[in-house]
Amino acid sequence: KIEQKIYGHSDRAFLERVFQKLMLNFTWWVNRKDVEGK
């Protein structure tokens, strides 16, 4: 959003690429850090 506002560029490729990998990281959190599954 900062780049979008200051430089007028919406880098969706960057946003999508990182988002895809963060879904793996989110799953790691859910599987490893929720002891009782609640």
Full PDB file with SEQRES, HELIX, SHEET, SSBOND, CRYST1, ORIGX, SCALE, CONECT and MASTER records, all heavy atoms in Angstrom:
SEQRES   1 A   38  LYS ILE GLU GLN LYS ILE TYR GLY HIS SER ASP ARG ALA          
SEQRES   2 A   38  PHE LEU GLU ARG VAL PHE GLN LYS LEU MET LEU ASN PHE          
SEQRES   3 A   38  THR TRP TRP VAL ASN ARG LYS ASP VAL GLU GLY LYS              
HELIX    1 AA1 ILE A    2  TYR A    7  1                                   6    
HELIX    2 AA2 ARG A   12  ARG A   32  1                                  21    
CRYST1    1.000    1.000    1.000  90.00  90.00  90.00 P 1           1          
ORIGX1      1.000000  0.000000  0.000000        0.00000                         
ORIGX2      0.000000  1.000000  0.000000        0.00000                         
ORIGX3      0.000000  0.000000  1.000000        0.00000                         
SCALE1      1.000000  0.000000  0.000000        0.00000                         
SCALE2      0.000000  1.000000  0.000000        0.00000                         
SCALE3      0.000000  0.000000  1.000000        0.00000                         
ATOM      1  N   LYS A   1       0.805  -1.207   0.000  1.00  0.00           N  
ATOM      2  CA  LYS A   1       0.000   0.000   0.000  1.00  0.00           C  
ATOM      3  C   LYS A   1       0.850   1.274   0.000  1.00  0.00           C  
ATOM      4  O   LYS A   1       0.483   2.276  -0.608  1.00  0.00           O  
ATOM      5  CB  LYS A   1      -0.935   0.008   1.215  1.00  0.00           C  
ATOM      6  CG  LYS A   1      -1.928  -1.141   1.263  1.00  0.00           C  
ATOM      7  CD  LYS A   1      -2.849  -1.151   0.065  1.00  0.00           C  
ATOM      8  CE  LYS A   1      -3.852  -0.012   0.084  1.00  0.00           C  
ATOM      9  NZ  LYS A   1      -4.844  -0.112  -1.022  1.00  0.00           N  
ATOM     10  N   ILE A   2       1.994   1.233   0.665  1.00  0.00           N  
ATOM     11  CA  ILE A   2       2.890   2.398   0.673  1.00  0.00           C  
ATOM     12  C   ILE A   2       3.396   2.684  -0.731  1.00  0.00           C  
ATOM     13  O   ILE A   2       3.374   3.822  -1.204  1.00  0.00           O  
ATOM     14  CB  ILE A   2       4.062   2.163   1.643  1.00  0.00           C  
ATOM     15  CG1 ILE A   2       3.568   2.188   3.094  1.00  0.00           C  
ATOM     16  CG2 ILE A   2       5.149   3.221   1.451  1.00  0.00           C  
ATOM     17  CD1 ILE A   2       4.607   1.720   4.101  1.00  0.00           C  
ATOM     18  N   GLU A   3       3.858   1.642  -1.415  1.00  0.00           N  
ATOM     19  CA  GLU A   3       4.343   1.843  -2.785  1.00  0.00           C  
ATOM     20  C   GLU A   3       3.214   2.315  -3.684  1.00  0.00           C  
ATOM     21  O   GLU A   3       3.411   3.178  -4.555  1.00  0.00           O  
ATOM     22  CB  GLU A   3       4.940   0.542  -3.327  1.00  0.00           C  
ATOM     23  CG  GLU A   3       5.544   0.722  -4.718  1.00  0.00           C  
ATOM     24  CD  GLU A   3       6.103  -0.545  -5.308  1.00  0.00           C  
ATOM     25  OE1 GLU A   3       5.560  -1.630  -5.024  1.00  0.00           O  
ATOM     26  OE2 GLU A   3       7.079  -0.461  -6.075  1.00  0.00           O  
ATOM     27  N   GLN A   4       2.045   1.787  -3.479  1.00  0.00           N  
ATOM     28  CA  GLN A   4       0.885   2.177  -4.274  1.00  0.00           C  
ATOM     29  C   GLN A   4       0.591   3.661  -4.118  1.00  0.00           C  
ATOM     30  O   GLN A   4       0.317   4.362  -5.091  1.00  0.00           O  
ATOM     31  CB  GLN A   4      -0.316   1.343  -3.838  1.00  0.00           C  
ATOM     32  CG  GLN A   4      -1.548   1.453  -4.727  1.00  0.00           C  
ATOM     33  CD  GLN A   4      -2.661   0.556  -4.205  1.00  0.00           C  
ATOM     34  OE1 GLN A   4      -3.159   0.757  -3.091  1.00  0.00           O  
ATOM     35  NE2 GLN A   4      -3.046  -0.448  -4.984  1.00  0.00           N  
ATOM     36  N   LYS A   5       0.668   4.167  -2.886  1.00  0.00           N  
ATOM     37  CA  LYS A   5       0.329   5.564  -2.639  1.00  0.00           C  
ATOM     38  C   LYS A   5       1.425   6.517  -3.106  1.00  0.00           C  
ATOM     39  O   LYS A   5       1.163   7.519  -3.770  1.00  0.00           O  
ATOM     40  CB  LYS A   5       0.075   5.774  -1.147  1.00  0.00           C  
ATOM     41  CG  LYS A   5      -0.043   7.241  -0.779  1.00  0.00           C  
ATOM     42  CD  LYS A   5      -1.099   7.521   0.228  1.00  0.00           C  
ATOM     43  CE  LYS A   5      -1.281   9.026   0.376  1.00  0.00           C  
ATOM     44  NZ  LYS A   5      -2.342   9.401   1.273  1.00  0.00           N  
ATOM     45  N   ILE A   6       2.685   6.219  -2.749  1.00  0.00           N  
ATOM     46  CA  ILE A   6       3.771   7.162  -3.038  1.00  0.00           C  
ATOM     47  C   ILE A   6       4.212   7.097  -4.496  1.00  0.00           C  
ATOM     48  O   ILE A   6       4.460   8.129  -5.133  1.00  0.00           O  
ATOM     49  CB  ILE A   6       4.966   6.901  -2.107  1.00  0.00           C  
ATOM     50  CG1 ILE A   6       4.573   7.177  -0.652  1.00  0.00           C  
ATOM     51  CG2 ILE A   6       6.154   7.786  -2.482  1.00  0.00           C  
ATOM     52  CD1 ILE A   6       5.682   6.933   0.342  1.00  0.00           C  
ATOM     53  N   TYR A   7       4.301   5.884  -5.035  1.00  0.00           N  
ATOM     54  CA  TYR A   7       4.880   5.707  -6.368  1.00  0.00           C  
ATOM     55  C   TYR A   7       3.860   5.316  -7.432  1.00  0.00           C  
ATOM     56  O   TYR A   7       4.209   5.167  -8.605  1.00  0.00           O  
ATOM     57  CB  TYR A   7       6.003   4.664  -6.314  1.00  0.00           C  
ATOM     58  CG  TYR A   7       7.152   5.090  -5.423  1.00  0.00           C  
ATOM     59  CD1 TYR A   7       7.214   4.680  -4.095  1.00  0.00           C  
ATOM     60  CD2 TYR A   7       8.153   5.928  -5.891  1.00  0.00           C  
ATOM     61  CE1 TYR A   7       8.256   5.078  -3.262  1.00  0.00           C  
ATOM     62  CE2 TYR A   7       9.204   6.333  -5.074  1.00  0.00           C  
ATOM     63  CZ  TYR A   7       9.243   5.899  -3.754  1.00  0.00           C  
ATOM     64  OH  TYR A   7      10.276   6.297  -2.938  1.00  0.00           O  
ATOM     65  N   GLY A   8       2.595   5.115  -7.032  1.00  0.00           N  
ATOM     66  CA  GLY A   8       1.551   4.806  -8.002  1.00  0.00           C  
ATOM     67  C   GLY A   8       1.661   3.442  -8.632  1.00  0.00           C  
ATOM     68  O   GLY A   8       1.141   3.211  -9.724  1.00  0.00           O  
ATOM     69  N   HIS A   9       2.334   2.501  -7.947  1.00  0.00           N  
ATOM     70  CA  HIS A   9       2.559   1.173  -8.517  1.00  0.00           C  
ATOM     71  C   HIS A   9       1.949   0.121  -7.611  1.00  0.00           C  
ATOM     72  O   HIS A   9       2.260   0.053  -6.423  1.00  0.00           O  
ATOM     73  CB  HIS A   9       4.061   0.916  -8.674  1.00  0.00           C  
ATOM     74  CG  HIS A   9       4.386  -0.442  -9.210  1.00  0.00           C  
ATOM     75  ND1 HIS A   9       5.418  -1.226  -8.734  1.00  0.00           N  
ATOM     76  CD2 HIS A   9       3.799  -1.172 -10.197  1.00  0.00           C  
ATOM     77  CE1 HIS A   9       5.451  -2.365  -9.395  1.00  0.00           C  
ATOM     78  NE2 HIS A   9       4.488  -2.351 -10.281  1.00  0.00           N  
ATOM     79  N   SER A  10       1.063  -0.716  -8.158  1.00  0.00           N  
ATOM     80  CA  SER A  10       0.455  -1.815  -7.404  1.00  0.00           C  
ATOM     81  C   SER A  10       1.109  -3.121  -7.834  1.00  0.00           C  
ATOM     82  O   SER A  10       0.753  -3.688  -8.865  1.00  0.00           O  
ATOM     83  CB  SER A  10      -1.055  -1.872  -7.663  1.00  0.00           C  
ATOM     84  OG  SER A  10      -1.684  -0.673  -7.266  1.00  0.00           O  
ATOM     85  N   ASP A  11       2.057  -3.583  -7.051  1.00  0.00           N  
ATOM     86  CA  ASP A  11       2.839  -4.767  -7.418  1.00  0.00           C  
ATOM     87  C   ASP A  11       2.106  -6.032  -6.965  1.00  0.00           C  
ATOM     88  O   ASP A  11       2.426  -6.646  -5.945  1.00  0.00           O  
ATOM     89  CB  ASP A  11       4.224  -4.688  -6.784  1.00  0.00           C  
ATOM     90  CG  ASP A  11       5.179  -5.728  -7.358  1.00  0.00           C  
ATOM     91  OD1 ASP A  11       4.710  -6.671  -8.017  1.00  0.00           O  
ATOM     92  OD2 ASP A  11       6.400  -5.608  -7.135  1.00  0.00           O  
ATOM     93  N   ARG A  12       1.113  -6.445  -7.736  1.00  0.00           N  
ATOM     94  CA  ARG A  12       0.309  -7.618  -7.379  1.00  0.00           C  
ATOM     95  C   ARG A  12       1.125  -8.910  -7.432  1.00  0.00           C  
ATOM     96  O   ARG A  12       0.846  -9.856  -6.692  1.00  0.00           O  
ATOM     97  CB  ARG A  12      -0.912  -7.723  -8.292  1.00  0.00           C  
ATOM     98  CG  ARG A  12      -1.979  -6.687  -7.977  1.00  0.00           C  
ATOM     99  CD  ARG A  12      -3.176  -6.823  -8.904  1.00  0.00           C  
ATOM    100  NE  ARG A  12      -4.207  -5.856  -8.543  1.00  0.00           N  
ATOM    101  CZ  ARG A  12      -5.175  -6.086  -7.669  1.00  0.00           C  
ATOM    102  NH1 ARG A  12      -5.240  -7.261  -7.073  1.00  0.00           N  
ATOM    103  NH2 ARG A  12      -6.064  -5.153  -7.383  1.00  0.00           N  
ATOM    104  N   ALA A  13       2.113  -8.954  -8.313  1.00  0.00           N  
ATOM    105  CA  ALA A  13       2.943 -10.161  -8.392  1.00  0.00           C  
ATOM    106  C   ALA A  13       3.662 -10.391  -7.068  1.00  0.00           C  
ATOM    107  O   ALA A  13       3.720 -11.513  -6.555  1.00  0.00           O  
ATOM    108  CB  ALA A  13       3.936 -10.041  -9.534  1.00  0.00           C  
ATOM    109  N   PHE A  14       4.225  -9.317  -6.512  1.00  0.00           N  
ATOM    110  CA  PHE A  14       4.866  -9.414  -5.196  1.00  0.00           C  
ATOM    111  C   PHE A  14       3.853  -9.838  -4.139  1.00  0.00           C  
ATOM    112  O   PHE A  14       4.110 -10.753  -3.345  1.00  0.00           O  
ATOM    113  CB  PHE A  14       5.483  -8.063  -4.830  1.00  0.00           C  
ATOM    114  CG  PHE A  14       5.629  -7.819  -3.354  1.00  0.00           C  
ATOM    115  CD1 PHE A  14       6.616  -8.463  -2.623  1.00  0.00           C  
ATOM    116  CD2 PHE A  14       4.770  -6.938  -2.691  1.00  0.00           C  
ATOM    117  CE1 PHE A  14       6.740  -8.242  -1.254  1.00  0.00           C  
ATOM    118  CE2 PHE A  14       4.889  -6.717  -1.335  1.00  0.00           C  
ATOM    119  CZ  PHE A  14       5.882  -7.365  -0.609  1.00  0.00           C  
ATOM    120  N   LEU A  15       2.697  -9.191  -4.124  1.00  0.00           N  
ATOM    121  CA  LEU A  15       1.683  -9.464  -3.108  1.00  0.00           C  
ATOM    122  C   LEU A  15       1.226 -10.923  -3.173  1.00  0.00           C  
ATOM    123  O   LEU A  15       1.121 -11.604  -2.146  1.00  0.00           O  
ATOM    124  CB  LEU A  15       0.495  -8.522  -3.305  1.00  0.00           C  
ATOM    125  CG  LEU A  15      -0.557  -8.498  -2.203  1.00  0.00           C  
ATOM    126  CD1 LEU A  15       0.026  -7.935  -0.919  1.00  0.00           C  
ATOM    127  CD2 LEU A  15      -1.768  -7.673  -2.641  1.00  0.00           C  
ATOM    128  N   GLU A  16       0.980 -11.410  -4.372  1.00  0.00           N  
ATOM    129  CA  GLU A  16       0.476 -12.770  -4.534  1.00  0.00           C  
ATOM    130  C   GLU A  16       1.547 -13.807  -4.212  1.00  0.00           C  
ATOM    131  O   GLU A  16       1.268 -14.828  -3.579  1.00  0.00           O  
ATOM    132  CB  GLU A  16      -0.045 -12.966  -5.955  1.00  0.00           C  
ATOM    133  CG  GLU A  16      -0.727 -14.301  -6.180  1.00  0.00           C  
ATOM    134  CD  GLU A  16      -1.455 -14.370  -7.515  1.00  0.00           C  
ATOM    135  OE1 GLU A  16      -1.241 -13.476  -8.362  1.00  0.00           O  
ATOM    136  OE2 GLU A  16      -2.233 -15.322  -7.702  1.00  0.00           O  
ATOM    137  N   ARG A  17       2.773 -13.528  -4.632  1.00  0.00           N  
ATOM    138  CA  ARG A  17       3.858 -14.483  -4.398  1.00  0.00           C  
ATOM    139  C   ARG A  17       4.092 -14.690  -2.895  1.00  0.00           C  
ATOM    140  O   ARG A  17       4.183 -15.826  -2.414  1.00  0.00           O  
ATOM    141  CB  ARG A  17       5.144 -13.997  -5.069  1.00  0.00           C  
ATOM    142  CG  ARG A  17       6.317 -14.955  -4.929  1.00  0.00           C  
ATOM    143  CD  ARG A  17       7.472 -14.553  -5.832  1.00  0.00           C  
ATOM    144  NE  ARG A  17       7.952 -13.211  -5.548  1.00  0.00           N  
ATOM    145  CZ  ARG A  17       7.796 -12.183  -6.380  1.00  0.00           C  
ATOM    146  NH1 ARG A  17       7.183 -12.347  -7.543  1.00  0.00           N  
ATOM    147  NH2 ARG A  17       8.260 -10.998  -6.068  1.00  0.00           N  
ATOM    148  N   VAL A  18       4.158 -13.594  -2.150  1.00  0.00           N  
ATOM    149  CA  VAL A  18       4.386 -13.716  -0.710  1.00  0.00           C  
ATOM    150  C   VAL A  18       3.161 -14.318  -0.023  1.00  0.00           C  
ATOM    151  O   VAL A  18       3.282 -15.144   0.888  1.00  0.00           O  
ATOM    152  CB  VAL A  18       4.742 -12.348  -0.106  1.00  0.00           C  
ATOM    153  CG1 VAL A  18       4.913 -12.458   1.407  1.00  0.00           C  
ATOM    154  CG2 VAL A  18       6.016 -11.793  -0.731  1.00  0.00           C  
ATOM    155  N   PHE A  19       1.960 -13.942  -0.471  1.00  0.00           N  
ATOM    156  CA  PHE A  19       0.731 -14.460   0.126  1.00  0.00           C  
ATOM    157  C   PHE A  19       0.666 -15.983   0.027  1.00  0.00           C  
ATOM    158  O   PHE A  19       0.299 -16.668   0.989  1.00  0.00           O  
ATOM    159  CB  PHE A  19      -0.480 -13.830  -0.567  1.00  0.00           C  
ATOM    160  CG  PHE A  19      -1.807 -14.310  -0.048  1.00  0.00           C  
ATOM    161  CD1 PHE A  19      -2.323 -13.826   1.142  1.00  0.00           C  
ATOM    162  CD2 PHE A  19      -2.549 -15.247  -0.756  1.00  0.00           C  
ATOM    163  CE1 PHE A  19      -3.547 -14.270   1.621  1.00  0.00           C  
ATOM    164  CE2 PHE A  19      -3.774 -15.699  -0.290  1.00  0.00           C  
ATOM    165  CZ  PHE A  19      -4.276 -15.203   0.901  1.00  0.00           C  
ATOM    166  N   GLN A  20       1.041 -16.503  -1.133  1.00  0.00           N  
ATOM    167  CA  GLN A  20       0.995 -17.959  -1.326  1.00  0.00           C  
ATOM    168  C   GLN A  20       1.883 -18.672  -0.305  1.00  0.00           C  
ATOM    169  O   GLN A  20       1.505 -19.701   0.267  1.00  0.00           O  
ATOM    170  CB  GLN A  20       1.450 -18.315  -2.745  1.00  0.00           C  
ATOM    171  CG  GLN A  20       0.530 -17.819  -3.848  1.00  0.00           C  
ATOM    172  CD  GLN A  20      -0.706 -18.690  -4.014  1.00  0.00           C  
ATOM    173  OE1 GLN A  20      -0.838 -19.714  -3.366  1.00  0.00           O  
ATOM    174  NE2 GLN A  20      -1.611 -18.283  -4.882  1.00  0.00           N  
ATOM    175  N   LYS A  21       3.071 -18.141  -0.066  1.00  0.00           N  
ATOM    176  CA  LYS A  21       3.981 -18.776   0.887  1.00  0.00           C  
ATOM    177  C   LYS A  21       3.522 -18.551   2.324  1.00  0.00           C  
ATOM    178  O   LYS A  21       3.744 -19.403   3.201  1.00  0.00           O  
ATOM    179  CB  LYS A  21       5.406 -18.236   0.688  1.00  0.00           C  
ATOM    180  CG  LYS A  21       5.976 -18.475  -0.701  1.00  0.00           C  
ATOM    181  CD  LYS A  21       6.033 -19.952  -1.054  1.00  0.00           C  
ATOM    182  CE  LYS A  21       7.161 -20.671  -0.375  1.00  0.00           C  
ATOM    183  NZ  LYS A  21       8.486 -20.280  -0.899  1.00  0.00           N  
ATOM    184  N   LEU A  22       2.880 -17.419   2.590  1.00  0.00           N  
ATOM    185  CA  LEU A  22       2.404 -17.159   3.946  1.00  0.00           C  
ATOM    186  C   LEU A  22       1.256 -18.092   4.332  1.00  0.00           C  
ATOM    187  O   LEU A  22       1.026 -18.341   5.522  1.00  0.00           O  
ATOM    188  CB  LEU A  22       1.978 -15.697   4.099  1.00  0.00           C  
ATOM    189  CG  LEU A  22       3.127 -14.685   4.147  1.00  0.00           C  
ATOM    190  CD1 LEU A  22       2.585 -13.266   4.256  1.00  0.00           C  
ATOM    191  CD2 LEU A  22       4.084 -14.979   5.304  1.00  0.00           C  
ATOM    192  N   MET A  23       0.535 -18.608   3.354  1.00  0.00           N  
ATOM    193  CA  MET A  23      -0.488 -19.594   3.691  1.00  0.00           C  
ATOM    194  C   MET A  23       0.147 -20.846   4.292  1.00  0.00           C  
ATOM    195  O   MET A  23      -0.424 -21.481   5.182  1.00  0.00           O  
ATOM    196  CB  MET A  23      -1.331 -19.931   2.456  1.00  0.00           C  
ATOM    197  CG  MET A  23      -2.300 -18.810   2.079  1.00  0.00           C  
ATOM    198  SD  MET A  23      -3.614 -19.337   0.969  1.00  0.00           S  
ATOM    199  CE  MET A  23      -2.693 -19.628  -0.531  1.00  0.00           C  
ATOM    200  N   LEU A  24       1.357 -21.209   3.825  1.00  0.00           N  
ATOM    201  CA  LEU A  24       2.087 -22.316   4.441  1.00  0.00           C  
ATOM    202  C   LEU A  24       2.466 -21.971   5.870  1.00  0.00           C  
ATOM    203  O   LEU A  24       2.357 -22.798   6.783  1.00  0.00           O  
ATOM    204  CB  LEU A  24       3.345 -22.641   3.630  1.00  0.00           C  
ATOM    205  CG  LEU A  24       3.161 -23.078   2.177  1.00  0.00           C  
ATOM    206  CD1 LEU A  24       4.525 -23.270   1.518  1.00  0.00           C  
ATOM    207  CD2 LEU A  24       2.350 -24.360   2.104  1.00  0.00           C  
ATOM    208  N   ASN A  25       2.941 -20.742   6.056  1.00  0.00           N  
ATOM    209  CA  ASN A  25       3.342 -20.322   7.391  1.00  0.00           C  
ATOM    210  C   ASN A  25       2.149 -20.262   8.340  1.00  0.00           C  
ATOM    211  O   ASN A  25       2.251 -20.661   9.509  1.00  0.00           O  
ATOM    212  CB  ASN A  25       4.022 -18.949   7.318  1.00  0.00           C  
ATOM    213  CG  ASN A  25       4.447 -18.435   8.675  1.00  0.00           C  
ATOM    214  OD1 ASN A  25       3.900 -17.451   9.181  1.00  0.00           O  
ATOM    215  ND2 ASN A  25       5.424 -19.080   9.277  1.00  0.00           N  
ATOM    216  N   PHE A  26       1.006 -19.795   7.857  1.00  0.00           N  
ATOM    217  CA  PHE A  26      -0.197 -19.740   8.686  1.00  0.00           C  
ATOM    218  C   PHE A  26      -0.585 -21.152   9.137  1.00  0.00           C  
ATOM    219  O   PHE A  26      -0.923 -21.382  10.305  1.00  0.00           O  
ATOM    220  CB  PHE A  26      -1.342 -19.095   7.902  1.00  0.00           C  
ATOM    221  CG  PHE A  26      -2.584 -18.878   8.722  1.00  0.00           C  
ATOM    222  CD1 PHE A  26      -2.773 -17.693   9.420  1.00  0.00           C  
ATOM    223  CD2 PHE A  26      -3.567 -19.855   8.797  1.00  0.00           C  
ATOM    224  CE1 PHE A  26      -3.915 -17.486  10.179  1.00  0.00           C  
ATOM    225  CE2 PHE A  26      -4.715 -19.669   9.557  1.00  0.00           C  
ATOM    226  CZ  PHE A  26      -4.887 -18.480  10.255  1.00  0.00           C  
ATOM    227  N   THR A  27      -0.506 -22.098   8.220  1.00  0.00           N  
ATOM    228  CA  THR A  27      -0.832 -23.487   8.546  1.00  0.00           C  
ATOM    229  C   THR A  27       0.132 -24.037   9.588  1.00  0.00           C  
ATOM    230  O   THR A  27      -0.265 -24.778  10.496  1.00  0.00           O  
ATOM    231  CB  THR A  27      -0.805 -24.353   7.280  1.00  0.00           C  
ATOM    232  OG1 THR A  27      -1.720 -23.810   6.319  1.00  0.00           O  
ATOM    233  CG2 THR A  27      -1.191 -25.786   7.585  1.00  0.00           C  
ATOM    234  N   TRP A  28       1.419 -23.673   9.475  1.00  0.00           N  
ATOM    235  CA  TRP A  28       2.396 -24.101  10.480  1.00  0.00           C  
ATOM    236  C   TRP A  28       1.983 -23.601  11.857  1.00  0.00           C  
ATOM    237  O   TRP A  28       2.028 -24.348  12.844  1.00  0.00           O  
ATOM    238  CB  TRP A  28       3.786 -23.569  10.116  1.00  0.00           C  
ATOM    239  CG  TRP A  28       4.809 -23.859  11.180  1.00  0.00           C  
ATOM    240  CD1 TRP A  28       5.525 -25.010  11.332  1.00  0.00           C  
ATOM    241  CD2 TRP A  28       5.197 -23.002  12.258  1.00  0.00           C  
ATOM    242  NE1 TRP A  28       6.345 -24.927  12.437  1.00  0.00           N  
ATOM    243  CE2 TRP A  28       6.169 -23.702  13.024  1.00  0.00           C  
ATOM    244  CE3 TRP A  28       4.835 -21.717  12.650  1.00  0.00           C  
ATOM    245  CZ2 TRP A  28       6.766 -23.149  14.156  1.00  0.00           C  
ATOM    246  CZ3 TRP A  28       5.422 -21.169  13.781  1.00  0.00           C  
ATOM    247  CH2 TRP A  28       6.378 -21.881  14.520  1.00  0.00           C  
ATOM    248  N   TRP A  29       1.583 -22.343  11.953  1.00  0.00           N  
ATOM    249  CA  TRP A  29       1.148 -21.788  13.231  1.00  0.00           C  
ATOM    250  C   TRP A  29      -0.037 -22.578  13.790  1.00  0.00           C  
ATOM    251  O   TRP A  29      -0.060 -22.943  14.966  1.00  0.00           O  
ATOM    252  CB  TRP A  29       0.758 -20.317  13.055  1.00  0.00           C  
ATOM    253  CG  TRP A  29       1.876 -19.375  13.331  1.00  0.00           C  
ATOM    254  CD1 TRP A  29       2.786 -18.885  12.442  1.00  0.00           C  
ATOM    255  CD2 TRP A  29       2.215 -18.799  14.594  1.00  0.00           C  
ATOM    256  NE1 TRP A  29       3.665 -18.040  13.062  1.00  0.00           N  
ATOM    257  CE2 TRP A  29       3.332 -17.964  14.397  1.00  0.00           C  
ATOM    258  CE3 TRP A  29       1.683 -18.903  15.870  1.00  0.00           C  
ATOM    259  CZ2 TRP A  29       3.923 -17.241  15.424  1.00  0.00           C  
ATOM    260  CZ3 TRP A  29       2.274 -18.179  16.903  1.00  0.00           C  
ATOM    261  CH2 TRP A  29       3.377 -17.370  16.679  1.00  0.00           C  
ATOM    262  N   VAL A  30      -1.020 -22.815  12.959  1.00  0.00           N  
ATOM    263  CA  VAL A  30      -2.229 -23.504  13.427  1.00  0.00           C  
ATOM    264  C   VAL A  30      -1.902 -24.914  13.906  1.00  0.00           C  
ATOM    265  O   VAL A  30      -2.415 -25.384  14.931  1.00  0.00           O  
ATOM    266  CB  VAL A  30      -3.289 -23.540  12.307  1.00  0.00           C  
ATOM    267  CG1 VAL A  30      -4.460 -24.429  12.702  1.00  0.00           C  
ATOM    268  CG2 VAL A  30      -3.777 -22.122  11.999  1.00  0.00           C  
ATOM    269  N   ASN A  31      -1.018 -25.609  13.184  1.00  0.00           N  
ATOM    270  CA  ASN A  31      -0.707 -27.000  13.524  1.00  0.00           C  
ATOM    271  C   ASN A  31       0.238 -27.136  14.713  1.00  0.00           C  
ATOM    272  O   ASN A  31       0.199 -28.142  15.426  1.00  0.00           O  
ATOM    273  CB  ASN A  31      -0.078 -27.704  12.320  1.00  0.00           C  
ATOM    274  CG  ASN A  31      -1.080 -27.916  11.204  1.00  0.00           C  
ATOM    275  OD1 ASN A  31      -2.278 -27.887  11.428  1.00  0.00           O  
ATOM    276  ND2 ASN A  31      -0.578 -28.119   9.994  1.00  0.00           N  
ATOM    277  N   ARG A  32       1.100 -26.136  14.941  1.00  0.00           N  
ATOM    278  CA  ARG A  32       2.143 -26.279  15.943  1.00  0.00           C  
ATOM    279  C   ARG A  32       1.865 -25.527  17.245  1.00  0.00           C  
ATOM    280  O   ARG A  32       2.386 -25.896  18.290  1.00  0.00           O  
ATOM    281  CB  ARG A  32       3.480 -25.764  15.375  1.00  0.00           C  
ATOM    282  CG  ARG A  32       4.059 -26.604  14.255  1.00  0.00           C  
ATOM    283  CD  ARG A  32       4.453 -28.002  14.752  1.00  0.00           C  
ATOM    284  NE  ARG A  32       5.156 -28.761  13.737  1.00  0.00           N  
ATOM    285  CZ  ARG A  32       6.479 -28.797  13.611  1.00  0.00           C  
ATOM    286  NH1 ARG A  32       7.229 -28.101  14.441  1.00  0.00           N  
ATOM    287  NH2 ARG A  32       7.039 -29.521  12.677  1.00  0.00           N  
ATOM    288  N   LYS A  33       1.082 -24.463  17.210  1.00  0.00           N  
ATOM    289  CA  LYS A  33       1.000 -23.577  18.366  1.00  0.00           C  
ATOM    290  C   LYS A  33      -0.382 -23.500  18.996  1.00  0.00           C  
ATOM    291  O   LYS A  33      -0.650 -22.626  19.810  1.00  0.00           O  
ATOM    292  CB  LYS A  33       1.469 -22.162  17.956  1.00  0.00           C  
ATOM    293  CG  LYS A  33       2.934 -22.127  17.516  1.00  0.00           C  
ATOM    294  CD  LYS A  33       3.856 -22.624  18.620  1.00  0.00           C  
ATOM    295  CE  LYS A  33       5.293 -22.737  18.159  1.00  0.00           C  
ATOM    296  NZ  LYS A  33       6.172 -23.260  19.238  1.00  0.00           N  
ATOM    297  N   ASP A  34      -1.271 -24.412  18.620  1.00  0.00           N  
ATOM    298  CA  ASP A  34      -2.603 -24.491  19.226  1.00  0.00           C  
ATOM    299  C   ASP A  34      -2.706 -25.867  19.895  1.00  0.00           C  
ATOM    300  O   ASP A  34      -3.199 -26.830  19.310  1.00  0.00           O  
ATOM    301  CB  ASP A  34      -3.672 -24.300  18.144  1.00  0.00           C  
ATOM    302  CG  ASP A  34      -5.096 -24.379  18.688  1.00  0.00           C  
ATOM    303  OD1 ASP A  34      -5.258 -24.463  19.928  1.00  0.00           O  
ATOM    304  OD2 ASP A  34      -6.039 -24.364  17.886  1.00  0.00           O  
ATOM    305  N   VAL A  35      -2.213 -25.955  21.148  1.00  0.00           N  
ATOM    306  CA  VAL A  35      -2.021 -27.248  21.812  1.00  0.00           C  
ATOM    307  C   VAL A  35      -3.300 -28.063  21.882  1.00  0.00           C  
ATOM    308  O   VAL A  35      -3.319 -29.258  21.607  1.00  0.00           O  
ATOM    309  CB  VAL A  35      -1.445 -27.019  23.234  1.00  0.00           C  
ATOM    310  CG1 VAL A  35      -1.463 -28.321  24.036  1.00  0.00           C  
ATOM    311  CG2 VAL A  35      -0.029 -26.480  23.132  1.00  0.00           C  
ATOM    312  N   GLU A  36      -4.420 -27.408  22.253  1.00  0.00           N  
ATOM    313  CA  GLU A  36      -5.662 -28.139  22.467  1.00  0.00           C  
ATOM    314  C   GLU A  36      -6.620 -28.056  21.288  1.00  0.00           C  
ATOM    315  O   GLU A  36      -7.744 -28.559  21.366  1.00  0.00           O  
ATOM    316  CB  GLU A  36      -6.342 -27.614  23.738  1.00  0.00           C  
ATOM    317  CG  GLU A  36      -5.500 -27.845  25.002  1.00  0.00           C  
ATOM    318  CD  GLU A  36      -6.173 -27.313  26.248  1.00  0.00           C  
ATOM    319  OE1 GLU A  36      -7.111 -26.477  26.110  1.00  0.00           O  
ATOM    320  OE2 GLU A  36      -5.791 -27.715  27.353  1.00  0.00           O  
ATOM    321  N   GLY A  37      -6.189 -27.416  20.194  1.00  0.00           N  
ATOM    322  CA  GLY A  37      -7.045 -27.324  19.027  1.00  0.00           C  
ATOM    323  C   GLY A  37      -8.288 -26.484  19.244  1.00  0.00           C  
ATOM    324  O   GLY A  37      -9.321 -26.700  18.604  1.00  0.00           O  
ATOM    325  N   LYS A  38      -8.190 -25.491  20.144  1.00  0.00           N  
ATOM    326  CA  LYS A  38      -9.351 -24.664  20.470  1.00  0.00           C  
ATOM    327  C   LYS A  38      -9.180 -23.210  20.020  1.00  0.00           C  
ATOM    328  O   LYS A  38      -9.842 -22.306  20.520  1.00  0.00           O  
ATOM    329  CB  LYS A  38      -9.606 -24.709  21.981  1.00  0.00           C  
ATOM    330  CG  LYS A  38     -10.001 -26.094  22.489  1.00  0.00           C  
ATOM    331  CD  LYS A  38     -10.260 -26.066  23.989  1.00  0.00           C  
ATOM    332  CE  LYS A  38     -10.691 -27.441  24.497  1.00  0.00           C  
ATOM    333  NZ  LYS A  38     -10.940 -27.445  25.964  1.00  0.00           N  
TER     334      LYS A  38                                                      
MASTER        0    0    0    2    0    0    0    6  333    1    0    3          
END                                                                             
